[in-house]
């Protein structure tokens, strides 16, 4: 999978899209690495208009990237885009009948760079998978009780991974399931004091969890890992064994529910073997398309793509900003299906990593629903605040249109008034009022492309800190669907 000659890395002021001949209306690399959010209702032309414009700009400039697939035709769209821009050789389609594999646990344990193999990083990966599943099924609660169970599950996974590492067993979902299945109960642990060394060894041969505890003890004896070992042993032989009747089964079922998708189907076939498609492949100009569309694979598609996306983001953050970095892009259409807590964290440093995030969704209400909880607005607003470019297409979602109007802001405008009194006495006047620069209703009337609009998609573009040639902070742009 060697790339052809590496593209020349352009400066931050290199234009990627020109909305007019005036340089003030050019959209640059500097704008791209600060992220993009595109909103538009169904049929508004967001994907075939501004989306297509930005995608082709990245491809023409030799960028590599990661493409998430929500709909079955997403792969075909990118195959066409790659053909139109001469990038067909750089396209990698990761799908069910492909030879590619990505084992997230193996990757995180053995990747290069600082922090590789850290227990808490692996647990964080599992918790993100857990949250993704809850969001997709609509079972996320978000209250104090939910946080308690999250913390209990997190501690349980920490201890399982630690035990497997100390016993020098493969850290895999299969072995974690075995550990949990064989973890001794209180009445079994109580018998340990009466058992001989031979009986304990025999028990360890029959019980995977006990066997790992024995093996870890032998390997840690006389080393600096004895303290860690004692902590783990106490967890399984005292704390976990003595958990109340309700608590232990809940933790076990939570983990088994998380692990279940990895025991069959695409997750077992493509995300449990030996890794041969690394996120870093995209940093040299390859475009990785995760062709596991959610509309076909449902939760498995969310898991598969969400895992790869998270580890791709973390790999991008490890890029050295002191080096000459070729920008890369993260393309997420129907972004509400793939949102994670890490997106906001990633976007705060994406610029220095030269990572160009593009999120596309119908409306902001999708994001509020996907994040869930009592008040999802702060998280959503924080994420959107870190996406420097906003493009608003035709939309009839009142919440999004109001949010768009507030984002662009207010200005004093002259408002004419006529007062009609008795006996035909009238007076006219002009007063200044603070009004939206773009009223919410205007977003409902933007042209959505198609033959009736000359294949032109209208969008209102705003870029943080940018003043356009119209001396305003927004620009009314037209995107050509035929190009």
Foldseek 3Di string as FASTA:
>chain_A
DDDPPFFDQDDFLQFLDAQDPDSLRGQGLVQQLLAEEEAAAVLQCRCLFVVLSNVLSCVLRLAFAEEAFADLCPVVVVCVSCVVNVNNVQEDEDDDPDPFAAALLVCQQDPDDPPRNPLLVVLVLLLQLLLLLCLLVVNDAADPVNVVLSVVLSVLSSLLSVLCVLLVHDPALVLSLLLLVLLAAQVVLVCVVVDDPVRLCVVLVVRVNSVSLVSSCVSCPPHPCVVVSVVSCCCRSPVQNPDDPPNNVSSSVSSCVSCVVCVDDPNVVHHGDDGDDALCSSQRRHYYYHSPHCVPNPSNSQSVSLSRVVVNLVVLLPDDLVDSGRAHEYHAEQNLSRDTLCLLVSLVCSSSSNYRYYYYHHACVSNPSSVDDPGCVVSSVSNVVSRFKYKATAHDDLVRLVVVQVVQHWDWDWDKDKDADPPRDIDIDIDIDIDGPDHSVVSNPFRRADVVVPQWRWIKMAGPPRQGPVRGRIDTGIGHSVD
